[in-house]
Amino acid sequence: MDSIDLARRAREALLSKKAANVTIVNVGSTSPVADYYVIASGDTGPQLKAMMNAVQMDLKHDGTMCYRRSGVPDDGWVVLDYFDVVIHIFLKELRDYYAIEELWAGAPQVP
C-alpha cells in the first residue's frame, strides 16, 4: 500500500469512530519525517483509544504494522508512526492548543 492509500485508509478508520475534523496534509515536499500527516480530534480519552485501535486494527488487517506509538489516549494526544504516514489523534482542546497544522500551513491538504 502506498503512503496516500495508507493515509486515506487511516482517515476511514478514524471516521468510523466518529473522529472530528480529520485532515490529511501532504508534507512530503517540506518534511524529511513523512509524506503525510493525518490529524484527527476526539472528545474523550476512551474515544481516542477507540480511534487509535481502529486505525491499528484496520491497517494491520491490510498488512501494515505500526512502527511506533507514542502518547496515551487519556493524556489527550496519541501519535502513530507508519514511517511515511504519521497519525496524530488529539482531544479537541489540545489540538487547538498545539495547532500543528499551522506548522504545515503551506502544505496542500488531501481531499
C-alpha atoms as a PDB file:
ATOM      1  CA  MET A   1       0.000   0.000   0.000  1.00  0.00           C
ATOM      2  CA  ASP A   2       1.485   3.367  -0.935  1.00  0.00           C
ATOM      3  CA  SER A   3       1.526   6.250   1.526  1.00  0.00           C
ATOM      4  CA  ILE A   4      -1.510   8.152   0.192  1.00  0.00           C
ATOM      5  CA  ASP A   5      -3.617   4.988   0.296  1.00  0.00           C
ATOM      6  CA  LEU A   6      -2.433   4.342   3.858  1.00  0.00           C
ATOM      7  CA  ALA A   7      -3.358   7.897   4.872  1.00  0.00           C
ATOM      8  CA  ARG A   8      -6.811   7.568   3.322  1.00  0.00           C
ATOM      9  CA  ARG A   9      -7.349   4.173   4.942  1.00  0.00           C
ATOM     10  CA  ALA A  10      -6.393   5.673   8.316  1.00  0.00           C
ATOM     11  CA  ARG A  11      -8.888   8.504   7.728  1.00  0.00           C
ATOM     12  CA  GLU A  12     -11.644   5.956   7.087  1.00  0.00           C
ATOM     13  CA  ALA A  13     -10.802   4.098  10.302  1.00  0.00           C
ATOM     14  CA  LEU A  14     -10.834   7.355  12.279  1.00  0.00           C
ATOM     15  CA  LEU A  15     -14.167   8.403  10.809  1.00  0.00           C
ATOM     16  CA  SER A  16     -15.634   5.015  11.698  1.00  0.00           C
ATOM     17  CA  LYS A  17     -15.116   6.017  15.357  1.00  0.00           C
ATOM     18  CA  LYS A  18     -16.687   9.459  14.899  1.00  0.00           C
ATOM     19  CA  ALA A  19     -13.421  11.397  14.685  1.00  0.00           C
ATOM     20  CA  ALA A  20     -13.879  15.110  14.060  1.00  0.00           C
ATOM     21  CA  ASN A  21     -12.045  17.355  11.607  1.00  0.00           C
ATOM     22  CA  VAL A  22      -9.918  14.599  10.047  1.00  0.00           C
ATOM     23  CA  THR A  23      -7.269  16.238   7.885  1.00  0.00           C
ATOM     24  CA  ILE A  24      -4.604  14.755   5.642  1.00  0.00           C
ATOM     25  CA  VAL A  25      -1.698  17.120   4.997  1.00  0.00           C
ATOM     26  CA  ASN A  26       0.829  16.414   2.245  1.00  0.00           C
ATOM     27  CA  VAL A  27       4.124  17.342   3.896  1.00  0.00           C
ATOM     28  CA  GLY A  28       6.360  15.238   1.630  1.00  0.00           C
ATOM     29  CA  SER A  29       7.966  18.159  -0.171  1.00  0.00           C
ATOM     30  CA  THR A  30       8.789  20.062   3.030  1.00  0.00           C
ATOM     31  CA  SER A  31       9.383  17.402   5.686  1.00  0.00           C
ATOM     32  CA  PRO A  32      12.062  14.740   5.913  1.00  0.00           C
ATOM     33  CA  VAL A  33       9.932  12.930   8.504  1.00  0.00           C
ATOM     34  CA  ALA A  34       6.925  11.741   6.495  1.00  0.00           C
ATOM     35  CA  ASP A  35       4.937  12.127   3.296  1.00  0.00           C
ATOM     36  CA  TYR A  36       1.591  12.704   5.021  1.00  0.00           C
ATOM     37  CA  TYR A  37       0.254  13.724   8.401  1.00  0.00           C
ATOM     38  CA  VAL A  38      -3.226  12.590   9.324  1.00  0.00           C
ATOM     39  CA  ILE A  39      -4.689  14.725  12.107  1.00  0.00           C
ATOM     40  CA  ALA A  40      -7.942  13.970  13.918  1.00  0.00           C
ATOM     41  CA  SER A  41      -9.839  15.079  17.009  1.00  0.00           C
ATOM     42  CA  GLY A  42     -11.978  13.329  19.569  1.00  0.00           C
ATOM     43  CA  ASP A  43     -13.958  14.296  22.648  1.00  0.00           C
ATOM     44  CA  THR A  44     -12.714  11.891  25.339  1.00  0.00           C
ATOM     45  CA  GLY A  45      -9.821   9.618  26.206  1.00  0.00           C
ATOM     46  CA  PRO A  46     -11.903   6.486  25.552  1.00  0.00           C
ATOM     47  CA  GLN A  47     -12.851   7.816  22.114  1.00  0.00           C
ATOM     48  CA  LEU A  48      -9.181   8.491  21.320  1.00  0.00           C
ATOM     49  CA  LYS A  49      -8.378   4.926  22.371  1.00  0.00           C
ATOM     50  CA  ALA A  50     -11.122   3.570  20.099  1.00  0.00           C
ATOM     51  CA  MET A  51      -9.819   5.688  17.219  1.00  0.00           C
ATOM     52  CA  MET A  52      -6.239   4.523  17.803  1.00  0.00           C
ATOM     53  CA  ASN A  53      -7.309   0.877  17.978  1.00  0.00           C
ATOM     54  CA  ALA A  54      -9.430   1.183  14.823  1.00  0.00           C
ATOM     55  CA  VAL A  55      -6.504   2.587  12.845  1.00  0.00           C
ATOM     56  CA  GLN A  56      -4.091  -0.055  14.081  1.00  0.00           C
ATOM     57  CA  MET A  57      -6.519  -2.954  13.522  1.00  0.00           C
ATOM     58  CA  ASP A  58      -7.640  -1.808  10.070  1.00  0.00           C
ATOM     59  CA  LEU A  59      -4.109  -1.185   8.827  1.00  0.00           C
ATOM     60  CA  LYS A  60      -2.860  -4.433  10.358  1.00  0.00           C
ATOM     61  CA  HIS A  61      -5.687  -6.217   8.532  1.00  0.00           C
ATOM     62  CA  ASP A  62      -4.327  -4.622   5.340  1.00  0.00           C
ATOM     63  CA  GLY A  63      -0.821  -5.924   6.188  1.00  0.00           C
ATOM     64  CA  THR A  64       0.666  -2.704   7.583  1.00  0.00           C
ATOM     65  CA  MET A  65       2.016  -2.615  11.121  1.00  0.00           C
ATOM     66  CA  CYS A  66       2.547   0.473  13.259  1.00  0.00           C
ATOM     67  CA  TYR A  67       6.271   1.116  13.634  1.00  0.00           C
ATOM     68  CA  ARG A  68       5.987   3.177  16.803  1.00  0.00           C
ATOM     69  CA  ARG A  69       3.276   4.594  19.035  1.00  0.00           C
ATOM     70  CA  SER A  70       3.663   7.466  21.437  1.00  0.00           C
ATOM     71  CA  GLY A  71       1.309   9.005  23.949  1.00  0.00           C
ATOM     72  CA  VAL A  72      -1.638   7.795  25.985  1.00  0.00           C
ATOM     73  CA  PRO A  73      -5.260   8.380  24.949  1.00  0.00           C
ATOM     74  CA  ASP A  74      -6.219   9.596  28.436  1.00  0.00           C
ATOM     75  CA  ASP A  75      -3.496  12.264  28.192  1.00  0.00           C
ATOM     76  CA  GLY A  76      -5.134  13.662  25.071  1.00  0.00           C
ATOM     77  CA  TRP A  77      -2.613  13.035  22.293  1.00  0.00           C
ATOM     78  CA  VAL A  78      -1.515   9.855  20.550  1.00  0.00           C
ATOM     79  CA  VAL A  79       0.910   9.587  17.646  1.00  0.00           C
ATOM     80  CA  LEU A  80       1.013   6.515  15.399  1.00  0.00           C
ATOM     81  CA  ASP A  81       4.105   6.281  13.197  1.00  0.00           C
ATOM     82  CA  TYR A  82       3.798   4.350   9.946  1.00  0.00           C
ATOM     83  CA  PHE A  83       7.082   5.741   8.528  1.00  0.00           C
ATOM     84  CA  ASP A  84       5.688   7.678   5.553  1.00  0.00           C
ATOM     85  CA  VAL A  85       2.422   8.482   7.328  1.00  0.00           C
ATOM     86  CA  VAL A  86       2.236   9.904  10.849  1.00  0.00           C
ATOM     87  CA  ILE A  87      -1.168   9.960  12.522  1.00  0.00           C
ATOM     88  CA  HIS A  88      -1.930  12.467  15.296  1.00  0.00           C
ATOM     89  CA  ILE A  89      -5.052  11.844  17.382  1.00  0.00           C
ATOM     90  CA  PHE A  90      -5.921  14.693  19.751  1.00  0.00           C
ATOM     91  CA  LEU A  91      -8.528  15.804  22.211  1.00  0.00           C
ATOM     92  CA  LYS A  92     -10.104  18.849  20.567  1.00  0.00           C
ATOM     93  CA  GLU A  93      -8.745  21.353  23.095  1.00  0.00           C
ATOM     94  CA  LEU A  94      -5.177  20.017  22.774  1.00  0.00           C
ATOM     95  CA  ARG A  95      -5.366  20.107  19.009  1.00  0.00           C
ATOM     96  CA  ASP A  96      -6.366  23.763  19.212  1.00  0.00           C
ATOM     97  CA  TYR A  97      -3.599  24.464  21.729  1.00  0.00           C
ATOM     98  CA  TYR A  98      -0.748  22.815  19.801  1.00  0.00           C
ATOM     99  CA  ALA A  99      -2.063  23.837  16.361  1.00  0.00           C
ATOM    100  CA  ILE A 100       0.331  21.563  14.479  1.00  0.00           C
ATOM    101  CA  GLU A 101      -1.470  22.273  11.210  1.00  0.00           C
ATOM    102  CA  GLU A 102      -0.006  25.770  11.411  1.00  0.00           C
ATOM    103  CA  LEU A 103       3.475  24.256  11.101  1.00  0.00           C
ATOM    104  CA  TRP A 104       2.441  22.997   7.660  1.00  0.00           C
ATOM    105  CA  ALA A 105       0.205  25.914   6.639  1.00  0.00           C
ATOM    106  CA  GLY A 106       1.717  25.997   3.131  1.00  0.00           C
ATOM    107  CA  ALA A 107       1.356  22.263   2.540  1.00  0.00           C
ATOM    108  CA  PRO A 108      -1.618  21.085   0.497  1.00  0.00           C
ATOM    109  CA  GLN A 109      -4.436  19.145   2.122  1.00  0.00           C
ATOM    110  CA  VAL A 110      -5.683  15.948   0.542  1.00  0.00           C
ATOM    111  CA  PRO A 111      -9.423  15.894  -0.235  1.00  0.00           C
END
